[in-house]
Amino acid sequence: MKQIGFVLTLSVFSFWAGMNTLVLLRQRELASLDQFRAGFTHFLGSNFLREQWMSIYKKNKKIGYVGYRFEKVFALERVEIHSTMESKVKIDLLGIEQWIELDGNLLADKEMRPISLRLDVSMQNEPFATLLGRRERGKLAVTLKTGGQSVQLPSFPLEELHLGNALVPTIPIAGFQVGDSYKVSCFDPLTWGPEMITVTVTAKETRDIDGLPLDVYRLESTFRGVKNKSWVTDAGELILQELGPPFEDVVLRRDEARDAKRINKK
């Protein structure tokens, strides 16, 4: 019985992490790592800070939000990338609707290779699980703590890592060109291993956003055989995401932090 309960705990954690989790990025199509860094610097902008909030809707009813923040910090004699993730979403778990919350913190070096991370998961305002990571012997050692037990997970290689949306992975770079194609290696918590994602910039178009026309790029992503669409500005700001089956009734829309956190918003 104890073992069954632990497996159920891991399953619930994995389901949530499928919506909001760690995304392990390796840019395959860029000519060099320097080019990737340039794209990330463009994404951060001149203030070295980017913040993004999205409201999550299912069948036009708000079921939660997700927000993240990237910041380049000059700490002592090194440059660090600080990123945080905050999210809350209502899911149907065994026929019962429950609120799941996620808070994550990631510290990375200037190459975006992780130094440390922490992810805290709560269910109905009660602590549920914590994922801890630390750089050790050239890798990122990861431990999952839940239900009074600790499980040592396989170590991650020290590659580019960020806290993001794993269901429709978003590459933190800017300056898109139509026809750009990226193949991304993503850490998938459902299999506890890497999954390849293909992201293609298919078009540049004008969409009506908040009553105003806005030039955006349409990105099509294929992940686990599911095709999703995202609309992103030239500066890398995510505006809208439409998920493919079996989540075709779920949409994420850009929002202000204060409004996104109003979870009873229709």
C-alpha atoms as a PDB file:
ATOM      1  CA  MET A   1       0.000   0.000   0.000  1.00  0.00           C
ATOM      2  CA  LYS A   2       2.859   2.361   0.851  1.00  0.00           C
ATOM      3  CA  GLN A   3       4.453   1.696  -2.543  1.00  0.00           C
ATOM      4  CA  ILE A   4       1.159   2.294  -4.384  1.00  0.00           C
ATOM      5  CA  GLY A   5       0.709   5.597  -2.590  1.00  0.00           C
ATOM      6  CA  PHE A   6       4.202   6.676  -3.566  1.00  0.00           C
ATOM      7  CA  VAL A   7       3.613   5.774  -7.224  1.00  0.00           C
ATOM      8  CA  LEU A   8       0.380   7.787  -7.179  1.00  0.00           C
ATOM      9  CA  THR A   9       2.269  10.727  -5.696  1.00  0.00           C
ATOM     10  CA  LEU A  10       4.830  10.598  -8.502  1.00  0.00           C
ATOM     11  CA  SER A  11       2.057  10.316 -11.102  1.00  0.00           C
ATOM     12  CA  VAL A  12       0.267  13.416  -9.810  1.00  0.00           C
ATOM     13  CA  PHE A  13       3.524  15.357  -9.707  1.00  0.00           C
ATOM     14  CA  SER A  14       4.341  14.269 -13.250  1.00  0.00           C
ATOM     15  CA  PHE A  15       0.897  15.338 -14.522  1.00  0.00           C
ATOM     16  CA  TRP A  16       1.322  18.805 -13.080  1.00  0.00           C
ATOM     17  CA  ALA A  17       4.902  19.069 -14.252  1.00  0.00           C
ATOM     18  CA  GLY A  18       3.643  18.324 -17.777  1.00  0.00           C
ATOM     19  CA  MET A  19       1.936  21.724 -17.722  1.00  0.00           C
ATOM     20  CA  ASN A  20       4.618  23.718 -15.931  1.00  0.00           C
ATOM     21  CA  THR A  21       8.053  22.298 -15.377  1.00  0.00           C
ATOM     22  CA  LEU A  22      11.734  22.334 -16.170  1.00  0.00           C
ATOM     23  CA  VAL A  23      12.610  22.586 -19.824  1.00  0.00           C
ATOM     24  CA  LEU A  24      16.100  21.405 -20.743  1.00  0.00           C
ATOM     25  CA  LEU A  25      17.097  23.287 -23.875  1.00  0.00           C
ATOM     26  CA  ARG A  26      19.801  22.391 -26.366  1.00  0.00           C
ATOM     27  CA  GLN A  27      19.642  24.569 -29.470  1.00  0.00           C
ATOM     28  CA  ARG A  28      20.524  22.211 -32.320  1.00  0.00           C
ATOM     29  CA  GLU A  29      20.023  24.480 -35.336  1.00  0.00           C
ATOM     30  CA  LEU A  30      21.867  27.605 -34.199  1.00  0.00           C
ATOM     31  CA  ALA A  31      25.326  27.908 -35.689  1.00  0.00           C
ATOM     32  CA  SER A  32      27.080  28.250 -32.328  1.00  0.00           C
ATOM     33  CA  LEU A  33      26.554  28.700 -28.600  1.00  0.00           C
ATOM     34  CA  ASP A  34      27.582  32.347 -29.006  1.00  0.00           C
ATOM     35  CA  GLN A  35      24.609  32.846 -31.327  1.00  0.00           C
ATOM     36  CA  PHE A  36      22.314  31.308 -28.720  1.00  0.00           C
ATOM     37  CA  ARG A  37      23.655  33.664 -26.076  1.00  0.00           C
ATOM     38  CA  ALA A  38      23.117  36.597 -28.397  1.00  0.00           C
ATOM     39  CA  GLY A  39      19.501  35.554 -28.881  1.00  0.00           C
ATOM     40  CA  PHE A  40      18.994  35.242 -25.142  1.00  0.00           C
ATOM     41  CA  THR A  41      20.553  38.675 -24.554  1.00  0.00           C
ATOM     42  CA  HIS A  42      18.125  40.072 -27.145  1.00  0.00           C
ATOM     43  CA  PHE A  43      15.312  38.342 -25.286  1.00  0.00           C
ATOM     44  CA  LEU A  44      16.312  39.952 -21.979  1.00  0.00           C
ATOM     45  CA  GLY A  45      16.615  43.409 -23.525  1.00  0.00           C
ATOM     46  CA  SER A  46      18.633  46.399 -22.366  1.00  0.00           C
ATOM     47  CA  ASN A  47      17.337  46.198 -18.801  1.00  0.00           C
ATOM     48  CA  PHE A  48      18.515  42.585 -18.386  1.00  0.00           C
ATOM     49  CA  LEU A  49      15.060  41.672 -17.069  1.00  0.00           C
ATOM     50  CA  ARG A  50      12.019  39.981 -18.610  1.00  0.00           C
ATOM     51  CA  GLU A  51       8.753  39.054 -16.936  1.00  0.00           C
ATOM     52  CA  GLN A  52       5.845  37.188 -18.512  1.00  0.00           C
ATOM     53  CA  TRP A  53       2.400  36.237 -17.202  1.00  0.00           C
ATOM     54  CA  MET A  54      -0.229  34.089 -18.896  1.00  0.00           C
ATOM     55  CA  SER A  55      -3.810  33.308 -17.875  1.00  0.00           C
ATOM     56  CA  ILE A  56      -4.888  29.722 -18.546  1.00  0.00           C
ATOM     57  CA  TYR A  57      -8.377  29.044 -19.926  1.00  0.00           C
ATOM     58  CA  LYS A  58     -10.296  25.856 -20.575  1.00  0.00           C
ATOM     59  CA  LYS A  59     -13.390  26.197 -22.755  1.00  0.00           C
ATOM     60  CA  ASN A  60     -13.188  29.977 -22.170  1.00  0.00           C
ATOM     61  CA  LYS A  61     -13.271  29.544 -18.381  1.00  0.00           C
ATOM     62  CA  LYS A  62     -10.225  30.638 -16.442  1.00  0.00           C
ATOM     63  CA  ILE A  63      -8.584  27.749 -14.599  1.00  0.00           C
ATOM     64  CA  GLY A  64      -5.301  29.320 -13.538  1.00  0.00           C
ATOM     65  CA  TYR A  65      -2.196  31.263 -14.463  1.00  0.00           C
ATOM     66  CA  VAL A  66       1.528  30.907 -15.008  1.00  0.00           C
ATOM     67  CA  GLY A  67       4.249  33.528 -14.719  1.00  0.00           C
ATOM     68  CA  TYR A  68       8.015  33.598 -15.027  1.00  0.00           C
ATOM     69  CA  ARG A  69      10.880  36.036 -14.683  1.00  0.00           C
ATOM     70  CA  PHE A  70      14.400  36.086 -16.120  1.00  0.00           C
ATOM     71  CA  GLU A  71      17.091  38.410 -14.807  1.00  0.00           C
ATOM     72  CA  LYS A  72      20.783  38.784 -15.605  1.00  0.00           C
ATOM     73  CA  VAL A  73      22.680  39.644 -12.410  1.00  0.00           C
ATOM     74  CA  PHE A  74      26.297  40.708 -11.965  1.00  0.00           C
ATOM     75  CA  ALA A  75      27.229  38.849  -8.767  1.00  0.00           C
ATOM     76  CA  LEU A  76      30.765  39.345  -7.411  1.00  0.00           C
ATOM     77  CA  GLU A  77      33.092  38.259 -10.233  1.00  0.00           C
ATOM     78  CA  ARG A  78      30.579  36.292 -12.305  1.00  0.00           C
ATOM     79  CA  VAL A  79      27.392  36.771 -14.271  1.00  0.00           C
ATOM     80  CA  GLU A  80      24.329  34.775 -13.166  1.00  0.00           C
ATOM     81  CA  ILE A  81      20.907  34.160 -14.623  1.00  0.00           C
ATOM     82  CA  HIS A  82      18.134  34.151 -12.033  1.00  0.00           C
ATOM     83  CA  SER A  83      14.728  32.806 -13.066  1.00  0.00           C
ATOM     84  CA  THR A  84      11.535  32.114 -11.167  1.00  0.00           C
ATOM     85  CA  MET A  85       8.284  30.337 -11.976  1.00  0.00           C
ATOM     86  CA  GLU A  86       4.925  30.776 -10.274  1.00  0.00           C
ATOM     87  CA  SER A  87       1.735  29.022 -11.293  1.00  0.00           C
ATOM     88  CA  LYS A  88      -1.652  27.919 -10.031  1.00  0.00           C
ATOM     89  CA  VAL A  89      -4.120  25.775 -11.950  1.00  0.00           C
ATOM     90  CA  LYS A  90      -7.254  23.759 -11.259  1.00  0.00           C
ATOM     91  CA  ILE A  91      -7.129  20.160 -12.464  1.00  0.00           C
ATOM     92  CA  ASP A  92      -9.483  17.204 -12.305  1.00  0.00           C
ATOM     93  CA  LEU A  93      -7.720  14.576 -10.216  1.00  0.00           C
ATOM     94  CA  LEU A  94      -9.591  11.268  -9.892  1.00  0.00           C
ATOM     95  CA  GLY A  95     -12.882  13.089 -10.460  1.00  0.00           C
ATOM     96  CA  ILE A  96     -12.148  15.817  -7.896  1.00  0.00           C
ATOM     97  CA  GLU A  97     -11.171  19.357  -8.915  1.00  0.00           C
ATOM     98  CA  GLN A  98      -8.145  20.578  -6.994  1.00  0.00           C
ATOM     99  CA  TRP A  99      -5.874  23.608  -7.103  1.00  0.00           C
ATOM    100  CA  ILE A 100      -2.234  22.796  -7.779  1.00  0.00           C
ATOM    101  CA  GLU A 101       0.456  25.407  -7.124  1.00  0.00           C
ATOM    102  CA  LEU A 102       4.045  25.504  -8.312  1.00  0.00           C
ATOM    103  CA  ASP A 103       6.874  27.804  -7.230  1.00  0.00           C
ATOM    104  CA  GLY A 104      10.282  27.399  -8.813  1.00  0.00           C
ATOM    105  CA  ASN A 105      13.662  29.085  -8.553  1.00  0.00           C
ATOM    106  CA  LEU A 106      16.629  28.457 -10.808  1.00  0.00           C
ATOM    107  CA  LEU A 107      20.138  29.884 -10.581  1.00  0.00           C
ATOM    108  CA  ALA A 108      22.287  29.451 -13.686  1.00  0.00           C
ATOM    109  CA  ASP A 109      25.653  30.678 -14.924  1.00  0.00           C
ATOM    110  CA  LYS A 110      26.046  33.038 -17.875  1.00  0.00           C
ATOM    111  CA  GLU A 111      25.874  30.073 -20.281  1.00  0.00           C
ATOM    112  CA  MET A 112      22.469  29.244 -18.690  1.00  0.00           C
ATOM    113  CA  ARG A 113      23.869  26.015 -17.237  1.00  0.00           C
ATOM    114  CA  PRO A 114      22.187  25.326 -13.891  1.00  0.00           C
ATOM    115  CA  ILE A 115      23.911  25.919 -10.567  1.00  0.00           C
ATOM    116  CA  SER A 116      20.935  25.158  -8.337  1.00  0.00           C
ATOM    117  CA  LEU A 117      17.169  24.817  -8.527  1.00  0.00           C
ATOM    118  CA  ARG A 118      14.141  24.349  -6.303  1.00  0.00           C
ATOM    119  CA  LEU A 119      10.562  23.509  -7.235  1.00  0.00           C
ATOM    120  CA  ASP A 120       7.825  23.424  -4.574  1.00  0.00           C
ATOM    121  CA  VAL A 121       4.457  21.852  -5.379  1.00  0.00           C
ATOM    122  CA  SER A 122       1.321  22.334  -3.248  1.00  0.00           C
ATOM    123  CA  MET A 123      -2.160  20.839  -3.506  1.00  0.00           C
ATOM    124  CA  GLN A 124      -5.127  22.693  -2.000  1.00  0.00           C
ATOM    125  CA  ASN A 125      -2.643  24.968  -0.175  1.00  0.00           C
ATOM    126  CA  GLU A 126      -0.887  21.981   1.412  1.00  0.00           C
ATOM    127  CA  PRO A 127       2.795  21.142   0.646  1.00  0.00           C
ATOM    128  CA  PHE A 128       2.983  18.155  -1.677  1.00  0.00           C
ATOM    129  CA  ALA A 129       6.451  17.716  -3.188  1.00  0.00           C
ATOM    130  CA  THR A 130       9.798  19.473  -3.560  1.00  0.00           C
ATOM    131  CA  LEU A 131      12.329  18.984  -6.348  1.00  0.00           C
ATOM    132  CA  LEU A 132      15.885  20.025  -5.441  1.00  0.00           C
ATOM    133  CA  GLY A 133      18.882  20.258  -7.734  1.00  0.00           C
ATOM    134  CA  ARG A 134      22.524  21.187  -7.252  1.00  0.00           C
ATOM    135  CA  ARG A 135      25.598  21.176  -9.453  1.00  0.00           C
ATOM    136  CA  GLU A 136      27.789  18.241  -8.547  1.00  0.00           C
ATOM    137  CA  ARG A 137      30.707  16.619 -10.386  1.00  0.00           C
ATOM    138  CA  GLY A 138      29.894  18.272 -13.693  1.00  0.00           C
ATOM    139  CA  LYS A 139      26.189  17.379 -13.584  1.00  0.00           C
ATOM    140  CA  LEU A 140      23.003  18.564 -11.887  1.00  0.00           C
ATOM    141  CA  ALA A 141      22.089  16.120  -9.116  1.00  0.00           C
ATOM    142  CA  VAL A 142      18.301  16.034  -8.577  1.00  0.00           C
ATOM    143  CA  THR A 143      16.287  14.812  -5.580  1.00  0.00           C
ATOM    144  CA  LEU A 144      12.501  14.517  -5.297  1.00  0.00           C
ATOM    145  CA  LYS A 145      11.057  14.788  -1.785  1.00  0.00           C
ATOM    146  CA  THR A 146       7.426  13.867  -1.197  1.00  0.00           C
ATOM    147  CA  GLY A 147       5.330  12.067   1.376  1.00  0.00           C
ATOM    148  CA  GLY A 148       8.230  11.958   3.819  1.00  0.00           C
ATOM    149  CA  GLN A 149      10.391  10.104   1.296  1.00  0.00           C
ATOM    150  CA  SER A 150      13.322  11.147  -0.908  1.00  0.00           C
ATOM    151  CA  VAL A 151      14.129   9.738  -4.326  1.00  0.00           C
ATOM    152  CA  GLN A 152      17.403  10.423  -6.120  1.00  0.00           C
ATOM    153  CA  LEU A 153      16.550  11.020  -9.782  1.00  0.00           C
ATOM    154  CA  PRO A 154      18.969  10.616 -12.697  1.00  0.00           C
ATOM    155  CA  SER A 155      21.393  13.546 -12.893  1.00  0.00           C
ATOM    156  CA  PHE A 156      20.967  16.157 -15.630  1.00  0.00           C
ATOM    157  CA  PRO A 157      23.848  17.088 -17.924  1.00  0.00           C
ATOM    158  CA  LEU A 158      25.025  20.675 -17.513  1.00  0.00           C
ATOM    159  CA  GLU A 159      23.230  22.058 -20.559  1.00  0.00           C
ATOM    160  CA  GLU A 160      21.023  25.125 -21.015  1.00  0.00           C
ATOM    161  CA  LEU A 161      18.146  24.869 -18.538  1.00  0.00           C
ATOM    162  CA  HIS A 162      15.215  27.103 -17.720  1.00  0.00           C
ATOM    163  CA  LEU A 163      11.873  27.053 -15.968  1.00  0.00           C
ATOM    164  CA  GLY A 164       9.185  27.112 -18.623  1.00  0.00           C
ATOM    165  CA  ASN A 165       6.068  25.606 -20.121  1.00  0.00           C
ATOM    166  CA  ALA A 166       6.892  22.023 -21.072  1.00  0.00           C
ATOM    167  CA  LEU A 167       3.602  21.342 -22.798  1.00  0.00           C
ATOM    168  CA  VAL A 168       4.395  23.964 -25.440  1.00  0.00           C
ATOM    169  CA  PRO A 169       8.102  24.695 -24.859  1.00  0.00           C
ATOM    170  CA  THR A 170       9.083  28.302 -25.457  1.00  0.00           C
ATOM    171  CA  ILE A 171      12.692  29.038 -26.397  1.00  0.00           C
ATOM    172  CA  PRO A 172      13.926  32.170 -24.537  1.00  0.00           C
ATOM    173  CA  ILE A 173      15.368  33.984 -27.553  1.00  0.00           C
ATOM    174  CA  ALA A 174      14.216  36.821 -29.763  1.00  0.00           C
ATOM    175  CA  GLY A 175      14.790  38.055 -33.306  1.00  0.00           C
ATOM    176  CA  PHE A 176      12.847  35.408 -35.244  1.00  0.00           C
ATOM    177  CA  GLN A 177      12.917  34.917 -39.003  1.00  0.00           C
ATOM    178  CA  VAL A 178      10.233  33.075 -40.970  1.00  0.00           C
ATOM    179  CA  GLY A 179      11.586  29.660 -41.870  1.00  0.00           C
ATOM    180  CA  ASP A 180      13.743  29.304 -38.748  1.00  0.00           C
ATOM    181  CA  SER A 181      13.591  25.765 -37.396  1.00  0.00           C
ATOM    182  CA  TYR A 182      14.834  24.533 -34.044  1.00  0.00           C
ATOM    183  CA  LYS A 183      15.155  21.065 -32.567  1.00  0.00           C
ATOM    184  CA  VAL A 184      15.108  21.183 -28.796  1.00  0.00           C
ATOM    185  CA  SER A 185      16.025  18.475 -26.307  1.00  0.00           C
ATOM    186  CA  CYS A 186      13.525  18.809 -23.448  1.00  0.00           C
ATOM    187  CA  PHE A 187      13.530  17.094 -20.059  1.00  0.00           C
ATOM    188  CA  ASP A 188      10.152  15.368 -19.934  1.00  0.00           C
ATOM    189  CA  PRO A 189       8.945  14.602 -16.374  1.00  0.00           C
ATOM    190  CA  LEU A 190       6.379  12.133 -17.705  1.00  0.00           C
ATOM    191  CA  THR A 191       9.182   9.816 -18.845  1.00  0.00           C
ATOM    192  CA  TRP A 192      11.987  11.281 -16.682  1.00  0.00           C
ATOM    193  CA  GLY A 193      14.120  11.567 -19.797  1.00  0.00           C
ATOM    194  CA  PRO A 194      14.764  13.695 -22.899  1.00  0.00           C
ATOM    195  CA  GLU A 195      12.136  14.331 -25.562  1.00  0.00           C
ATOM    196  CA  MET A 196      12.847  16.091 -28.851  1.00  0.00           C
ATOM    197  CA  ILE A 197      10.717  19.106 -29.734  1.00  0.00           C
ATOM    198  CA  THR A 198      10.634  20.664 -33.188  1.00  0.00           C
ATOM    199  CA  VAL A 199       9.808  24.371 -33.342  1.00  0.00           C
ATOM    200  CA  THR A 200       9.296  26.119 -36.688  1.00  0.00           C
ATOM    201  CA  VAL A 201       8.631  29.802 -37.385  1.00  0.00           C
ATOM    202  CA  THR A 202       5.905  29.414 -40.002  1.00  0.00           C
ATOM    203  CA  ALA A 203       4.674  32.957 -40.624  1.00  0.00           C
ATOM    204  CA  LYS A 204       4.708  36.604 -39.665  1.00  0.00           C
ATOM    205  CA  GLU A 205       1.213  38.001 -39.365  1.00  0.00           C
ATOM    206  CA  THR A 206      -0.872  40.738 -37.791  1.00  0.00           C
ATOM    207  CA  ARG A 207      -3.268  39.718 -35.034  1.00  0.00           C
ATOM    208  CA  ASP A 208      -5.775  41.730 -33.070  1.00  0.00           C
ATOM    209  CA  ILE A 209      -4.426  41.778 -29.504  1.00  0.00           C
ATOM    210  CA  ASP A 210      -6.408  43.688 -26.858  1.00  0.00           C
ATOM    211  CA  GLY A 211      -8.181  45.584 -29.612  1.00  0.00           C
ATOM    212  CA  LEU A 212      -4.984  46.683 -31.356  1.00  0.00           C
ATOM    213  CA  PRO A 213      -3.198  45.180 -34.384  1.00  0.00           C
ATOM    214  CA  LEU A 214       0.145  43.624 -33.474  1.00  0.00           C
ATOM    215  CA  ASP A 215       2.831  42.072 -35.688  1.00  0.00           C
ATOM    216  CA  VAL A 216       3.715  38.624 -34.363  1.00  0.00           C
ATOM    217  CA  TYR A 217       5.404  35.411 -35.476  1.00  0.00           C
ATOM    218  CA  ARG A 218       3.498  32.154 -35.540  1.00  0.00           C
ATOM    219  CA  LEU A 219       5.471  29.220 -34.147  1.00  0.00           C
ATOM    220  CA  GLU A 220       4.394  25.619 -34.563  1.00  0.00           C
ATOM    221  CA  SER A 221       5.757  23.115 -32.066  1.00  0.00           C
ATOM    222  CA  THR A 222       5.616  19.333 -32.175  1.00  0.00           C
ATOM    223  CA  PHE A 223       6.030  17.606 -28.822  1.00  0.00           C
ATOM    224  CA  ARG A 224       5.156  13.975 -28.084  1.00  0.00           C
ATOM    225  CA  GLY A 225       3.441  13.887 -31.475  1.00  0.00           C
ATOM    226  CA  VAL A 226       1.127  16.797 -30.559  1.00  0.00           C
ATOM    227  CA  LYS A 227       1.177  19.972 -32.680  1.00  0.00           C
ATOM    228  CA  ASN A 228       0.719  23.299 -30.890  1.00  0.00           C
ATOM    229  CA  LYS A 229       0.724  26.925 -32.003  1.00  0.00           C
ATOM    230  CA  SER A 230       2.231  29.986 -30.331  1.00  0.00           C
ATOM    231  CA  TRP A 231       2.254  33.666 -31.295  1.00  0.00           C
ATOM    232  CA  VAL A 232       5.371  35.588 -30.254  1.00  0.00           C
ATOM    233  CA  THR A 233       6.590  39.146 -30.871  1.00  0.00           C
ATOM    234  CA  ASP A 234       9.969  39.928 -32.422  1.00  0.00           C
ATOM    235  CA  ALA A 235      11.181  40.741 -28.888  1.00  0.00           C
ATOM    236  CA  GLY A 236      10.298  37.211 -27.745  1.00  0.00           C
ATOM    237  CA  GLU A 237       7.111  38.073 -25.818  1.00  0.00           C
ATOM    238  CA  LEU A 238       4.629  35.213 -25.823  1.00  0.00           C
ATOM    239  CA  ILE A 239       1.139  36.506 -26.653  1.00  0.00           C
ATOM    240  CA  LEU A 240      -1.010  33.438 -27.154  1.00  0.00           C
ATOM    241  CA  GLN A 241      -0.748  29.645 -27.135  1.00  0.00           C
ATOM    242  CA  GLU A 242      -3.241  27.173 -28.555  1.00  0.00           C
ATOM    243  CA  LEU A 243      -2.716  23.558 -27.572  1.00  0.00           C
ATOM    244  CA  GLY A 244      -3.321  20.555 -29.765  1.00  0.00           C
ATOM    245  CA  PRO A 245      -5.261  17.365 -28.877  1.00  0.00           C
ATOM    246  CA  PRO A 246      -5.931  16.151 -26.230  1.00  0.00           C
ATOM    247  CA  PHE A 247      -5.702  19.684 -24.742  1.00  0.00           C
ATOM    248  CA  GLU A 248      -7.295  21.551 -27.649  1.00  0.00           C
ATOM    249  CA  ASP A 249      -9.761  23.256 -25.283  1.00  0.00           C
ATOM    250  CA  VAL A 250      -6.883  24.852 -23.299  1.00  0.00           C
ATOM    251  CA  VAL A 251      -5.564  28.299 -24.279  1.00  0.00           C
ATOM    252  CA  LEU A 252      -2.964  30.536 -22.638  1.00  0.00           C
ATOM    253  CA  ARG A 253      -3.232  34.322 -23.082  1.00  0.00           C
ATOM    254  CA  ARG A 254      -0.854  37.108 -22.099  1.00  0.00           C
ATOM    255  CA  ASP A 255      -1.930  39.052 -19.030  1.00  0.00           C
ATOM    256  CA  GLU A 256      -0.711  41.488 -16.396  1.00  0.00           C
ATOM    257  CA  ALA A 257       0.554  39.823 -13.214  1.00  0.00           C
ATOM    258  CA  ARG A 258      -2.208  41.268 -11.022  1.00  0.00           C
ATOM    259  CA  ASP A 259      -4.955  40.224 -13.433  1.00  0.00           C
ATOM    260  CA  ALA A 260      -3.460  36.805 -14.113  1.00  0.00           C
ATOM    261  CA  LYS A 261      -3.530  35.997 -10.388  1.00  0.00           C
ATOM    262  CA  ARG A 262      -7.246  36.741 -10.161  1.00  0.00           C
ATOM    263  CA  ILE A 263      -8.155  33.090 -10.457  1.00  0.00           C
ATOM    264  CA  ASN A 264     -11.954  33.658 -10.376  1.00  0.00           C
ATOM    265  CA  LYS A 265     -11.643  35.872 -13.440  1.00  0.00           C
ATOM    266  CA  LYS A 266     -13.885  34.643 -16.295  1.00  0.00           C
END
